Amino acid sequence: MSDNITVRGFVATDIRSSTTPGGVGTASFRMGATERRFDRTSNTWVDGTTNWFTVQGYRQLAGNMGCSIKKGQRVIVVGRLKMRSWEKDGRIYHVAEIDAESVGHDLMWGSANFTRSASAGSHTAELPAGAQHGDEAGRVGGGGLPPEGRDDDGDGGGGGDGDDAASGEGFPDDDGGVGDVDRETGELKDAAA
């Protein structure tokens, strides 16, 4: 059986990376997806059964999985479901595998910081006339945070107002302040896990 499937769940094991004899990079992990339902009699949320999957990624996806996904994190996986069966010592075993097309963090449970891979470049946007890669005009959505030293706020100060967002150390939050981002992990500092 081979069907397309989307599964939300948690990473239950560390990522296992390897290379096929033909030189193709692979990565895999076990994933659990637990059903949650509201029990009206007790007026609480209860866990149902947990379905277990082995998630397998290849090539660029495998490398990105190894760098991004950690045990215990909530993820969403899209791929092809494959059911395998085998017999050993008179018992029949079954396993559900997902050949992943996409894997990402489930933002219902936290935040993530996306970094585009340099080799993922076949989906680049066409730049406006006169724009170069790295220019504000060349960014999808028309811009972002101004680079340090550029006067985009109209105060004549050249962008050197000490704002962490302008130096790339943080991002503007909903309260008008600046949120801190850990440069090594890309995760929010002081965020509840």
N, C-alpha and C. Protein backbone atom coordinates (compact mmCIF):
# COMPACT_ATOMS: atom_id res chain seq x y z
N MET A 1 0.84 -1.17 0.00
CA MET A 1 0.00 0.00 0.00
C MET A 1 0.88 1.23 0.00
N SER A 2 0.55 2.24 -0.81
CA SER A 2 1.33 3.46 -0.89
C SER A 2 0.37 4.63 -1.13
N ASP A 3 0.17 5.47 -0.11
CA ASP A 3 -0.74 6.60 -0.20
C ASP A 3 -0.06 7.84 0.35
N ASN A 4 -0.51 9.03 -0.12
CA ASN A 4 -0.02 10.28 0.44
C ASN A 4 -0.68 10.51 1.79
N ILE A 5 0.09 11.08 2.73
CA ILE A 5 -0.39 11.24 4.09
C ILE A 5 0.25 12.49 4.70
N THR A 6 -0.49 13.15 5.58
CA THR A 6 0.04 14.25 6.40
C THR A 6 -0.20 13.86 7.85
N VAL A 7 0.86 13.89 8.66
CA VAL A 7 0.77 13.45 10.05
C VAL A 7 1.39 14.51 10.95
N ARG A 8 0.67 14.85 12.03
CA ARG A 8 1.20 15.73 13.08
C ARG A 8 1.56 14.86 14.26
N GLY A 9 2.73 15.09 14.85
CA GLY A 9 3.12 14.29 16.00
C GLY A 9 4.40 14.80 16.62
N PHE A 10 5.09 13.91 17.34
CA PHE A 10 6.31 14.28 18.03
C PHE A 10 7.44 13.35 17.61
N VAL A 11 8.66 13.88 17.62
CA VAL A 11 9.84 13.11 17.27
C VAL A 11 10.21 12.27 18.49
N ALA A 12 10.22 10.94 18.33
CA ALA A 12 10.43 10.05 19.46
C ALA A 12 11.87 9.56 19.59
N THR A 13 12.67 9.72 18.56
CA THR A 13 14.06 9.26 18.61
C THR A 13 14.98 10.33 18.04
N ASP A 14 16.27 10.16 18.28
CA ASP A 14 17.24 11.04 17.64
C ASP A 14 17.26 10.73 16.14
N ILE A 15 17.68 11.70 15.34
CA ILE A 15 17.78 11.52 13.89
C ILE A 15 18.95 10.58 13.60
N ARG A 16 18.70 9.59 12.76
CA ARG A 16 19.75 8.67 12.31
C ARG A 16 20.09 9.02 10.87
N SER A 17 21.33 9.44 10.63
CA SER A 17 21.77 9.82 9.29
C SER A 17 22.69 8.75 8.73
N SER A 18 22.59 8.53 7.42
CA SER A 18 23.48 7.58 6.77
C SER A 18 23.55 7.92 5.28
N THR A 19 24.31 7.14 4.56
CA THR A 19 24.45 7.31 3.11
C THR A 19 24.26 5.96 2.45
N THR A 20 23.52 5.93 1.36
CA THR A 20 23.31 4.69 0.62
C THR A 20 24.62 4.33 -0.11
N PRO A 21 24.76 3.07 -0.55
CA PRO A 21 25.96 2.70 -1.32
C PRO A 21 26.14 3.56 -2.58
N GLY A 22 25.04 4.12 -3.10
CA GLY A 22 25.12 4.99 -4.27
C GLY A 22 25.45 6.43 -3.94
N GLY A 23 25.66 6.75 -2.65
CA GLY A 23 26.05 8.09 -2.25
C GLY A 23 24.91 9.03 -1.92
N VAL A 24 23.68 8.53 -1.81
CA VAL A 24 22.53 9.37 -1.49
C VAL A 24 22.39 9.48 0.03
N GLY A 25 22.32 10.71 0.53
CA GLY A 25 22.16 10.94 1.96
C GLY A 25 20.75 10.58 2.42
N THR A 26 20.65 9.95 3.58
CA THR A 26 19.36 9.59 4.16
C THR A 26 19.33 9.98 5.63
N ALA A 27 18.14 10.22 6.13
CA ALA A 27 17.93 10.47 7.55
C ALA A 27 16.58 9.90 7.93
N SER A 28 16.49 9.37 9.15
CA SER A 28 15.22 8.80 9.59
C SER A 28 15.03 9.03 11.08
N PHE A 29 13.78 8.97 11.51
CA PHE A 29 13.44 9.04 12.92
C PHE A 29 12.09 8.37 13.14
N ARG A 30 11.83 8.00 14.38
CA ARG A 30 10.53 7.45 14.75
C ARG A 30 9.66 8.60 15.22
N MET A 31 8.40 8.53 14.85
CA MET A 31 7.45 9.59 15.15
C MET A 31 6.21 8.97 15.77
N GLY A 32 5.70 9.60 16.81
CA GLY A 32 4.45 9.18 17.42
C GLY A 32 3.38 10.23 17.19
N ALA A 33 2.19 9.79 16.86
CA ALA A 33 1.05 10.69 16.66
C ALA A 33 -0.08 10.21 17.57
N THR A 34 -0.36 11.00 18.61
CA THR A 34 -1.35 10.62 19.61
C THR A 34 -2.64 11.38 19.38
N GLU A 35 -3.73 10.64 19.29
CA GLU A 35 -5.06 11.23 19.14
C GLU A 35 -5.45 11.93 20.44
N ARG A 36 -6.00 13.14 20.33
CA ARG A 36 -6.52 13.86 21.50
C ARG A 36 -7.99 14.13 21.25
N ARG A 37 -8.80 13.92 22.27
CA ARG A 37 -10.23 14.19 22.13
C ARG A 37 -10.76 14.76 23.44
N PHE A 38 -11.86 15.48 23.33
CA PHE A 38 -12.48 16.08 24.50
C PHE A 38 -13.53 15.13 25.05
N ASP A 39 -13.37 14.74 26.32
CA ASP A 39 -14.31 13.85 26.99
C ASP A 39 -15.35 14.71 27.71
N ARG A 40 -16.56 14.72 27.18
CA ARG A 40 -17.62 15.58 27.74
C ARG A 40 -18.05 15.14 29.14
N THR A 41 -17.92 13.86 29.44
CA THR A 41 -18.35 13.40 30.77
C THR A 41 -17.42 13.91 31.87
N SER A 42 -16.11 13.93 31.60
CA SER A 42 -15.16 14.42 32.61
C SER A 42 -14.75 15.88 32.35
N ASN A 43 -15.20 16.44 31.22
CA ASN A 43 -14.92 17.83 30.86
C ASN A 43 -13.41 18.10 30.77
N THR A 44 -12.65 17.12 30.21
CA THR A 44 -11.20 17.25 30.05
C THR A 44 -10.76 16.68 28.71
N TRP A 45 -9.56 17.06 28.30
CA TRP A 45 -8.95 16.47 27.12
C TRP A 45 -8.25 15.19 27.53
N VAL A 46 -8.40 14.13 26.73
CA VAL A 46 -7.77 12.85 27.04
C VAL A 46 -6.99 12.36 25.82
N ASP A 47 -5.92 11.61 26.09
CA ASP A 47 -5.14 11.02 25.01
C ASP A 47 -5.77 9.71 24.56
N GLY A 48 -5.75 9.50 23.26
CA GLY A 48 -6.21 8.24 22.70
C GLY A 48 -5.00 7.36 22.41
N THR A 49 -5.10 6.54 21.39
CA THR A 49 -4.00 5.66 21.02
C THR A 49 -2.91 6.45 20.29
N THR A 50 -1.70 5.91 20.36
CA THR A 50 -0.57 6.51 19.65
C THR A 50 -0.23 5.64 18.46
N ASN A 51 -0.20 6.24 17.27
CA ASN A 51 0.26 5.55 16.07
C ASN A 51 1.73 5.87 15.88
N TRP A 52 2.51 4.85 15.52
CA TRP A 52 3.95 5.01 15.37
C TRP A 52 4.35 4.88 13.92
N PHE A 53 5.26 5.76 13.47
CA PHE A 53 5.73 5.78 12.09
C PHE A 53 7.25 5.90 12.09
N THR A 54 7.87 5.31 11.08
CA THR A 54 9.27 5.57 10.79
C THR A 54 9.29 6.55 9.63
N VAL A 55 9.88 7.72 9.84
CA VAL A 55 9.93 8.76 8.81
C VAL A 55 11.31 8.72 8.17
N GLN A 56 11.33 8.65 6.83
CA GLN A 56 12.58 8.53 6.08
C GLN A 56 12.67 9.68 5.09
N GLY A 57 13.79 10.40 5.10
CA GLY A 57 14.03 11.48 4.14
C GLY A 57 15.31 11.23 3.37
N TYR A 58 15.40 11.77 2.15
CA TYR A 58 16.54 11.56 1.29
C TYR A 58 17.10 12.89 0.79
N ARG A 59 18.36 12.86 0.39
CA ARG A 59 19.06 13.97 -0.25
C ARG A 59 19.03 15.25 0.60
N GLN A 60 18.61 16.37 0.00
CA GLN A 60 18.60 17.65 0.70
C GLN A 60 17.72 17.62 1.95
N LEU A 61 16.55 16.97 1.85
CA LEU A 61 15.66 16.88 3.00
C LEU A 61 16.36 16.16 4.16
N ALA A 62 17.13 15.12 3.86
CA ALA A 62 17.84 14.38 4.91
C ALA A 62 18.81 15.28 5.64
N GLY A 63 19.57 16.07 4.92
CA GLY A 63 20.51 16.99 5.55
C GLY A 63 19.82 18.03 6.40
N ASN A 64 18.71 18.57 5.89
CA ASN A 64 17.96 19.58 6.65
C ASN A 64 17.31 18.98 7.89
N MET A 65 16.83 17.74 7.78
CA MET A 65 16.25 17.07 8.96
C MET A 65 17.31 16.91 10.04
N GLY A 66 18.51 16.48 9.65
CA GLY A 66 19.58 16.27 10.61
C GLY A 66 19.99 17.54 11.34
N CYS A 67 19.90 18.68 10.67
CA CYS A 67 20.28 19.97 11.27
C CYS A 67 19.15 20.61 12.06
N SER A 68 17.91 20.27 11.76
CA SER A 68 16.78 21.04 12.29
C SER A 68 15.91 20.30 13.29
N ILE A 69 15.74 19.02 13.15
CA ILE A 69 14.78 18.27 13.95
C ILE A 69 15.49 17.60 15.12
N LYS A 70 14.92 17.74 16.30
CA LYS A 70 15.48 17.14 17.52
C LYS A 70 14.41 16.31 18.22
N LYS A 71 14.87 15.32 18.97
CA LYS A 71 13.98 14.44 19.73
C LYS A 71 13.09 15.28 20.66
N GLY A 72 11.79 14.96 20.68
CA GLY A 72 10.83 15.64 21.55
C GLY A 72 10.09 16.78 20.89
N GLN A 73 10.56 17.25 19.73
CA GLN A 73 9.90 18.37 19.07
C GLN A 73 8.64 17.93 18.34
N ARG A 74 7.68 18.85 18.22
CA ARG A 74 6.45 18.60 17.47
C ARG A 74 6.70 18.92 16.01
N VAL A 75 6.30 18.00 15.12
CA VAL A 75 6.54 18.17 13.69
C VAL A 75 5.29 17.81 12.89
N ILE A 76 5.30 18.25 11.64
CA ILE A 76 4.30 17.85 10.65
C ILE A 76 5.07 17.21 9.50
N VAL A 77 4.64 16.03 9.08
CA VAL A 77 5.32 15.28 8.02
C VAL A 77 4.33 15.03 6.89
N VAL A 78 4.78 15.30 5.66
CA VAL A 78 3.99 15.01 4.46
C VAL A 78 4.80 14.02 3.64
N GLY A 79 4.17 12.94 3.19
CA GLY A 79 4.88 11.96 2.39
C GLY A 79 4.00 10.80 1.97
N ARG A 80 4.66 9.75 1.51
CA ARG A 80 3.96 8.55 1.05
C ARG A 80 4.00 7.48 2.13
N LEU A 81 2.82 6.99 2.51
CA LEU A 81 2.71 5.94 3.52
C LEU A 81 2.98 4.59 2.88
N LYS A 82 3.83 3.81 3.53
CA LYS A 82 4.13 2.45 3.07
C LYS A 82 3.99 1.52 4.26
N MET A 83 3.18 0.48 4.10
CA MET A 83 3.00 -0.53 5.15
C MET A 83 3.84 -1.74 4.78
N ARG A 84 4.71 -2.17 5.71
CA ARG A 84 5.53 -3.35 5.47
C ARG A 84 5.22 -4.41 6.51
N SER A 85 5.29 -5.64 6.09
CA SER A 85 5.08 -6.78 6.99
C SER A 85 6.21 -7.77 6.77
N TRP A 86 6.61 -8.49 7.83
CA TRP A 86 7.58 -9.55 7.71
C TRP A 86 7.36 -10.55 8.83
N GLU A 87 7.93 -11.71 8.63
CA GLU A 87 7.78 -12.78 9.60
C GLU A 87 9.13 -13.12 10.20
N LYS A 88 9.16 -13.29 11.53
CA LYS A 88 10.39 -13.66 12.21
C LYS A 88 10.02 -14.54 13.39
N ASP A 89 10.64 -15.69 13.46
CA ASP A 89 10.41 -16.65 14.56
C ASP A 89 8.93 -16.99 14.70
N GLY A 90 8.23 -17.13 13.59
CA GLY A 90 6.83 -17.52 13.61
C GLY A 90 5.85 -16.39 13.91
N ARG A 91 6.35 -15.17 14.15
CA ARG A 91 5.47 -14.02 14.40
C ARG A 91 5.49 -13.09 13.20
N ILE A 92 4.37 -12.45 12.95
CA ILE A 92 4.27 -11.48 11.86
C ILE A 92 4.35 -10.08 12.44
N TYR A 93 5.24 -9.27 11.89
CA TYR A 93 5.45 -7.90 12.34
C TYR A 93 4.98 -6.94 11.25
N HIS A 94 4.51 -5.77 11.68
CA HIS A 94 4.06 -4.73 10.75
C HIS A 94 4.71 -3.42 11.13
N VAL A 95 5.01 -2.60 10.15
CA VAL A 95 5.55 -1.27 10.40
C VAL A 95 4.96 -0.30 9.38
N ALA A 96 4.68 0.91 9.84
CA ALA A 96 4.21 1.98 8.96
C ALA A 96 5.38 2.93 8.72
N GLU A 97 5.73 3.13 7.46
CA GLU A 97 6.83 4.01 7.10
C GLU A 97 6.30 5.17 6.26
N ILE A 98 6.91 6.34 6.42
CA ILE A 98 6.56 7.49 5.60
C ILE A 98 7.81 7.92 4.85
N ASP A 99 7.78 7.85 3.53
CA ASP A 99 8.84 8.43 2.70
C ASP A 99 8.51 9.91 2.59
N ALA A 100 9.22 10.72 3.36
CA ALA A 100 8.87 12.13 3.52
C ALA A 100 9.19 12.96 2.28
N GLU A 101 8.26 13.82 1.94
CA GLU A 101 8.48 14.85 0.93
C GLU A 101 8.80 16.18 1.62
N SER A 102 8.17 16.41 2.78
CA SER A 102 8.39 17.62 3.57
C SER A 102 8.29 17.29 5.05
N VAL A 103 9.13 17.94 5.84
CA VAL A 103 9.09 17.81 7.30
C VAL A 103 9.29 19.21 7.86
N GLY A 104 8.47 19.59 8.82
CA GLY A 104 8.63 20.91 9.43
C GLY A 104 8.11 20.92 10.84
N HIS A 105 8.49 21.95 11.58
CA HIS A 105 8.01 22.10 12.95
C HIS A 105 6.55 22.49 12.96
N ASP A 106 5.80 21.97 13.93
CA ASP A 106 4.39 22.30 14.11
C ASP A 106 4.31 23.58 14.93
N LEU A 107 3.99 24.69 14.27
CA LEU A 107 4.00 26.00 14.92
C LEU A 107 2.84 26.20 15.88
N MET A 108 1.95 25.22 15.99
CA MET A 108 0.91 25.26 17.01
C MET A 108 1.53 25.18 18.41
N TRP A 109 2.71 24.58 18.51
CA TRP A 109 3.34 24.30 19.79
C TRP A 109 4.56 25.17 20.08
N GLY A 110 4.97 26.02 19.16
CA GLY A 110 6.15 26.86 19.38
C GLY A 110 6.48 27.65 18.14
N SER A 111 7.62 28.31 18.15
CA SER A 111 8.04 29.11 17.01
C SER A 111 9.30 28.50 16.40
N ALA A 112 9.59 28.88 15.17
CA ALA A 112 10.77 28.39 14.47
C ALA A 112 11.38 29.54 13.69
N ASN A 113 12.64 29.41 13.36
CA ASN A 113 13.35 30.40 12.57
C ASN A 113 13.86 29.72 11.32
N PHE A 114 13.30 30.02 10.16
CA PHE A 114 13.62 29.36 8.91
C PHE A 114 14.85 29.98 8.27
N THR A 115 15.76 29.14 7.81
CA THR A 115 16.92 29.58 7.05
C THR A 115 16.94 28.80 5.76
N ARG A 116 16.88 29.49 4.63
CA ARG A 116 16.87 28.82 3.32
C ARG A 116 18.25 28.23 3.03
N SER A 117 18.28 27.01 2.53
CA SER A 117 19.52 26.36 2.16
C SER A 117 20.09 26.99 0.90
N ALA A 118 21.39 27.11 0.84
CA ALA A 118 22.03 27.71 -0.34
C ALA A 118 21.80 26.85 -1.58
N SER A 119 21.70 25.54 -1.41
CA SER A 119 21.55 24.66 -2.57
C SER A 119 20.10 24.39 -2.92
N ALA A 120 19.15 25.05 -2.25
CA ALA A 120 17.73 24.85 -2.55
C ALA A 120 17.27 25.85 -3.60
N GLY A 121 18.19 26.40 -4.39
CA GLY A 121 17.96 27.56 -5.22
C GLY A 121 17.11 27.43 -6.46
N SER A 122 16.47 26.34 -6.77
CA SER A 122 15.71 26.28 -8.01
C SER A 122 14.40 27.04 -7.93
N HIS A 123 14.01 27.50 -6.74
CA HIS A 123 12.74 28.21 -6.57
C HIS A 123 12.98 29.69 -6.27
N THR A 124 13.93 30.33 -6.94
CA THR A 124 14.23 31.73 -6.65
C THR A 124 13.25 32.64 -7.36
N ALA A 125 12.94 33.75 -6.71
CA ALA A 125 12.03 34.73 -7.29
C ALA A 125 12.79 35.62 -8.27
N GLU A 126 12.08 36.13 -9.26
CA GLU A 126 12.69 37.04 -10.22
C GLU A 126 12.87 38.39 -9.56
N LEU A 127 14.05 38.98 -9.71
CA LEU A 127 14.35 40.26 -9.09
C LEU A 127 13.79 41.41 -9.91
N PRO A 128 13.39 42.52 -9.25
CA PRO A 128 12.97 43.71 -9.97
C PRO A 128 14.14 44.30 -10.75
N ALA A 129 13.85 45.12 -11.76
CA ALA A 129 14.88 45.74 -12.59
C ALA A 129 15.82 46.55 -11.72
N GLY A 130 17.13 46.35 -11.90
CA GLY A 130 18.13 47.10 -11.16
C GLY A 130 18.47 46.52 -9.80
N ALA A 131 17.71 45.55 -9.31
CA ALA A 131 17.97 44.99 -7.98
C ALA A 131 19.01 43.88 -8.09
N GLN A 132 19.77 43.70 -7.04
CA GLN A 132 20.75 42.63 -6.97
C GLN A 132 20.41 41.73 -5.81
N HIS A 133 20.91 40.50 -5.85
CA HIS A 133 20.69 39.60 -4.72
C HIS A 133 21.24 40.25 -3.47
N GLY A 134 20.46 40.22 -2.38
CA GLY A 134 20.86 40.82 -1.12
C GLY A 134 20.31 42.22 -0.94
N ASP A 135 19.84 42.88 -2.01
CA ASP A 135 19.23 44.20 -1.89
C ASP A 135 17.86 44.09 -1.24
N GLU A 136 17.46 45.14 -0.52
CA GLU A 136 16.12 45.18 0.06
C GLU A 136 15.06 45.05 -1.02
N ALA A 137 15.26 45.68 -2.19
CA ALA A 137 14.27 45.64 -3.26
C ALA A 137 14.11 44.25 -3.84
N GLY A 138 15.12 43.40 -3.66
CA GLY A 138 15.06 42.07 -4.20
C GLY A 138 14.42 41.05 -3.28
N ARG A 139 13.98 41.47 -2.11
CA ARG A 139 13.38 40.53 -1.17
C ARG A 139 11.90 40.38 -1.43
N VAL A 140 11.42 39.15 -1.31
CA VAL A 140 9.99 38.89 -1.44
C VAL A 140 9.28 39.60 -0.31
N GLY A 141 8.21 40.30 -0.57
CA GLY A 141 7.48 41.02 0.46
C GLY A 141 7.98 42.45 0.60
N GLY A 142 8.96 42.85 -0.20
CA GLY A 142 9.37 44.24 -0.25
C GLY A 142 10.31 44.68 0.84
N GLY A 143 10.92 43.80 1.57
CA GLY A 143 11.90 44.28 2.52
C GLY A 143 11.92 43.50 3.79
N GLY A 144 12.44 44.10 4.80
CA GLY A 144 12.62 43.48 6.09
C GLY A 144 13.21 44.52 6.99
N LEU A 145 14.12 44.12 7.83
CA LEU A 145 14.78 45.06 8.72
C LEU A 145 15.88 45.76 7.94
N PRO A 146 16.04 47.09 8.12
CA PRO A 146 17.08 47.80 7.37
C PRO A 146 18.46 47.37 7.84
N PRO A 147 19.42 47.30 6.91
CA PRO A 147 20.78 46.96 7.31
C PRO A 147 21.37 48.07 8.18
N GLU A 148 22.33 47.69 9.01
CA GLU A 148 22.96 48.65 9.92
C GLU A 148 23.63 49.76 9.11
N GLY A 149 23.48 50.98 9.56
CA GLY A 149 24.13 52.10 8.91
C GLY A 149 23.30 52.75 7.81
N ARG A 150 22.10 52.24 7.52
CA ARG A 150 21.27 52.81 6.47
C ARG A 150 20.15 53.61 7.11
N ASP A 151 19.83 54.77 6.61
CA ASP A 151 18.83 55.64 7.21
C ASP A 151 17.47 55.39 6.60
N ASP A 152 16.73 54.40 7.13
CA ASP A 152 15.40 54.10 6.63
C ASP A 152 14.31 54.63 7.55
N ASP A 153 14.68 55.16 8.73
CA ASP A 153 13.65 55.61 9.65
C ASP A 153 13.36 57.10 9.53
N GLY A 154 14.08 57.82 8.66
CA GLY A 154 13.78 59.21 8.39
C GLY A 154 14.26 60.17 9.44
N ASP A 155 15.07 59.71 10.42
CA ASP A 155 15.50 60.63 11.46
C ASP A 155 16.88 61.22 11.19
N GLY A 156 17.47 60.84 10.04
CA GLY A 156 18.78 61.38 9.68
C GLY A 156 19.91 60.77 10.46
N GLY A 157 19.63 59.77 11.26
CA GLY A 157 20.65 59.19 12.13
C GLY A 157 21.44 58.07 11.51
N GLY A 158 21.14 57.68 10.32
CA GLY A 158 21.92 56.64 9.66
C GLY A 158 21.69 55.26 10.23
N GLY A 159 20.61 55.04 10.99
CA GLY A 159 20.29 53.72 11.49
C GLY A 159 21.05 53.33 12.73
N GLY A 160 21.89 54.21 13.28
CA GLY A 160 22.69 53.86 14.43
C GLY A 160 22.02 54.26 15.74
N ASP A 161 20.76 53.91 15.95
CA ASP A 161 20.04 54.33 17.15
C ASP A 161 20.14 53.32 18.28
N GLY A 162 20.98 52.27 18.11
CA GLY A 162 21.15 51.28 19.17
C GLY A 162 20.05 50.24 19.20
N ASP A 163 19.15 50.26 18.26
CA ASP A 163 18.05 49.30 18.22
C ASP A 163 18.57 47.94 17.83
N ASP A 164 18.30 46.91 18.66
CA ASP A 164 18.77 45.56 18.36
C ASP A 164 18.21 45.03 17.06
N ALA A 165 17.00 45.41 16.69
CA ALA A 165 16.40 44.89 15.45
C ALA A 165 17.21 45.34 14.25
N ALA A 166 17.72 46.57 14.26
CA ALA A 166 18.47 47.07 13.12
C ALA A 166 19.80 46.36 12.97
N SER A 167 20.36 45.84 14.04
CA SER A 167 21.65 45.16 13.95
C SER A 167 21.51 43.68 13.67
N GLY A 168 20.27 43.20 13.51
CA GLY A 168 20.07 41.80 13.22
C GLY A 168 20.09 40.92 14.45
N GLU A 169 20.13 41.51 15.66
CA GLU A 169 20.19 40.75 16.89
C GLU A 169 18.82 40.30 17.37
N GLY A 170 17.74 40.84 16.82
CA GLY A 170 16.41 40.51 17.29
C GLY A 170 15.38 40.75 16.22
N PHE A 171 14.13 40.84 16.64
CA PHE A 171 13.03 41.08 15.71
C PHE A 171 11.99 41.91 16.43
N PRO A 172 11.20 42.71 15.69
CA PRO A 172 10.17 43.51 16.36
C PRO A 172 9.05 42.61 16.86
N ASP A 173 8.62 42.81 18.12
CA ASP A 173 7.52 42.02 18.66
C ASP A 173 6.23 42.83 18.64
N ASP A 174 5.13 42.23 19.10
CA ASP A 174 3.82 42.86 19.05
C ASP A 174 3.70 44.07 19.95
N ASP A 175 4.56 44.17 20.98
CA ASP A 175 4.47 45.27 21.93
C ASP A 175 5.33 46.46 21.54
N GLY A 176 5.95 46.42 20.36
CA GLY A 176 6.80 47.50 19.92
C GLY A 176 8.23 47.36 20.40
N GLY A 177 8.53 46.32 21.18
CA GLY A 177 9.88 46.08 21.65
C GLY A 177 10.63 45.20 20.69
N VAL A 178 11.73 44.66 21.17
CA VAL A 178 12.55 43.78 20.34
C VAL A 178 12.68 42.44 21.03
N GLY A 179 12.37 41.34 20.32
CA GLY A 179 12.54 39.99 20.85
C GLY A 179 13.94 39.49 20.54
N ASP A 180 14.54 38.77 21.46
CA ASP A 180 15.90 38.26 21.28
C ASP A 180 15.87 36.88 20.66
N VAL A 181 16.82 36.63 19.73
CA VAL A 181 16.95 35.35 19.06
C VAL A 181 18.35 34.81 19.34
N ASP A 182 18.43 33.55 19.75
CA ASP A 182 19.72 32.90 19.97
C ASP A 182 20.38 32.68 18.61
N ARG A 183 21.56 33.28 18.39
CA ARG A 183 22.22 33.20 17.08
C ARG A 183 22.64 31.77 16.73
N GLU A 184 22.94 30.95 17.71
CA GLU A 184 23.40 29.59 17.44
C GLU A 184 22.25 28.67 17.06
N THR A 185 21.14 28.71 17.80
CA THR A 185 20.04 27.77 17.56
C THR A 185 18.93 28.37 16.72
N GLY A 186 18.84 29.71 16.65
CA GLY A 186 17.75 30.35 15.91
C GLY A 186 16.44 30.37 16.69
N GLU A 187 16.48 29.94 17.96
CA GLU A 187 15.28 29.90 18.77
C GLU A 187 15.14 31.20 19.56
N LEU A 188 13.90 31.48 20.00
CA LEU A 188 13.65 32.66 20.80
C LEU A 188 14.27 32.50 22.16
N LYS A 189 14.95 33.54 22.64
CA LYS A 189 15.48 33.51 24.00
C LYS A 189 14.34 33.77 24.97
N ASP A 190 14.42 33.21 26.14
CA ASP A 190 13.43 33.39 27.21
C ASP A 190 12.04 32.96 26.80
N ALA A 191 11.91 32.06 25.83
CA ALA A 191 10.60 31.56 25.42
C ALA A 191 10.33 30.27 26.18
N ALA A 192 9.10 30.13 26.63
CA ALA A 192 8.71 28.90 27.34
C ALA A 192 8.69 27.74 26.37
N ALA A 193 9.28 26.61 26.76
CA ALA A 193 9.34 25.45 25.88
C ALA A 193 8.05 24.68 25.92
